[in-house]
Every structure is written in C-alpha cells, then in structure tokens.
Protein backbone atom coordinates (compact mmCIF):
# COMPACT_ATOMS: atom_id res chain seq x y z
CA UNK A 1 295.71 65.07 275.52
CA UNK A 2 297.24 68.47 273.76
CA UNK A 3 301.06 68.81 274.40
CA UNK A 4 302.07 72.50 276.18
CA UNK A 5 304.65 72.21 273.56
CA UNK A 6 303.64 75.14 271.52
CA UNK A 7 303.99 75.21 267.59
CA UNK A 8 306.27 76.77 265.26
CA UNK A 9 304.41 79.24 264.34
CA UNK A 10 302.95 80.17 267.90
CA UNK A 11 305.23 82.90 269.41
CA UNK A 12 305.49 84.56 266.05
CA UNK A 13 301.78 85.10 264.99
CA UNK A 14 300.13 84.48 268.56
CA UNK A 15 299.35 87.78 271.13
CA UNK A 16 298.99 86.46 274.43
CA UNK A 17 297.38 89.02 276.84
CA UNK A 18 295.02 89.42 280.28
CA UNK A 19 292.35 88.89 277.32
CA UNK A 20 293.18 85.63 276.29
CA UNK A 21 295.61 84.48 272.91
CA UNK A 22 295.16 86.04 269.87
CA UNK A 23 296.05 85.84 266.06
CA UNK A 24 297.45 88.61 264.66
CA UNK A 25 295.78 89.90 261.38
CA UNK A 26 298.42 89.31 259.06
CA UNK A 27 298.67 85.47 259.87
CA UNK A 28 298.82 83.47 256.91
CA UNK A 29 295.43 81.42 256.24
CA UNK A 30 297.28 77.97 256.86
CA UNK A 31 298.19 79.46 260.81
CA UNK A 32 294.65 80.93 261.14
CA UNK A 33 293.45 77.08 260.36
CA UNK A 34 296.44 75.71 262.67
CA UNK A 35 295.65 77.59 265.21
CA UNK A 36 292.00 77.02 265.27
CA UNK A 37 292.76 73.24 265.41
CA UNK A 38 295.25 73.90 268.09
CA UNK A 39 292.87 76.05 270.26
CA UNK A 40 289.88 73.73 269.65
CA UNK A 41 292.38 70.70 271.36
CA UNK A 42 293.15 72.57 273.97
CA UNK A 43 289.34 73.46 275.19
CA UNK A 44 288.37 70.25 274.45
CA UNK A 45 291.74 69.06 276.83
CA UNK A 46 290.32 71.24 279.52
CA UNK A 47 287.04 70.23 279.68
CA UNK A 48 288.25 66.82 280.38
CA UNK A 49 289.72 68.13 283.46
CA UNK A 50 286.13 68.97 284.76
C-alpha cells in the first residue's frame, strides 16, 4: 500500500487543482520519473479497493 505521506519534492513541483495532480513543466527529470512511479502506485492502490 502506498503511503499517504507525500514525497519531499511534492510541494515544490506538483500543482493540485480540480482536475487532479499535475507536474510543473520545469520539474527536473528525476522528479518526473519519481512522479510517474508515485502516481502509478497510487492508481494501483485505488484499484485494489474496488
């Protein structure tokens, strides 16, 4: 199960709005990769609740 604790980079590089979570365009490549993994884990967790 994914921790609900947000990664250190989350506050700096992620925009949260009514459409969901979006990575800022200027985010470093490492953050982009970590964001993809983080979102994939969250989506897998959500599917396990169905």
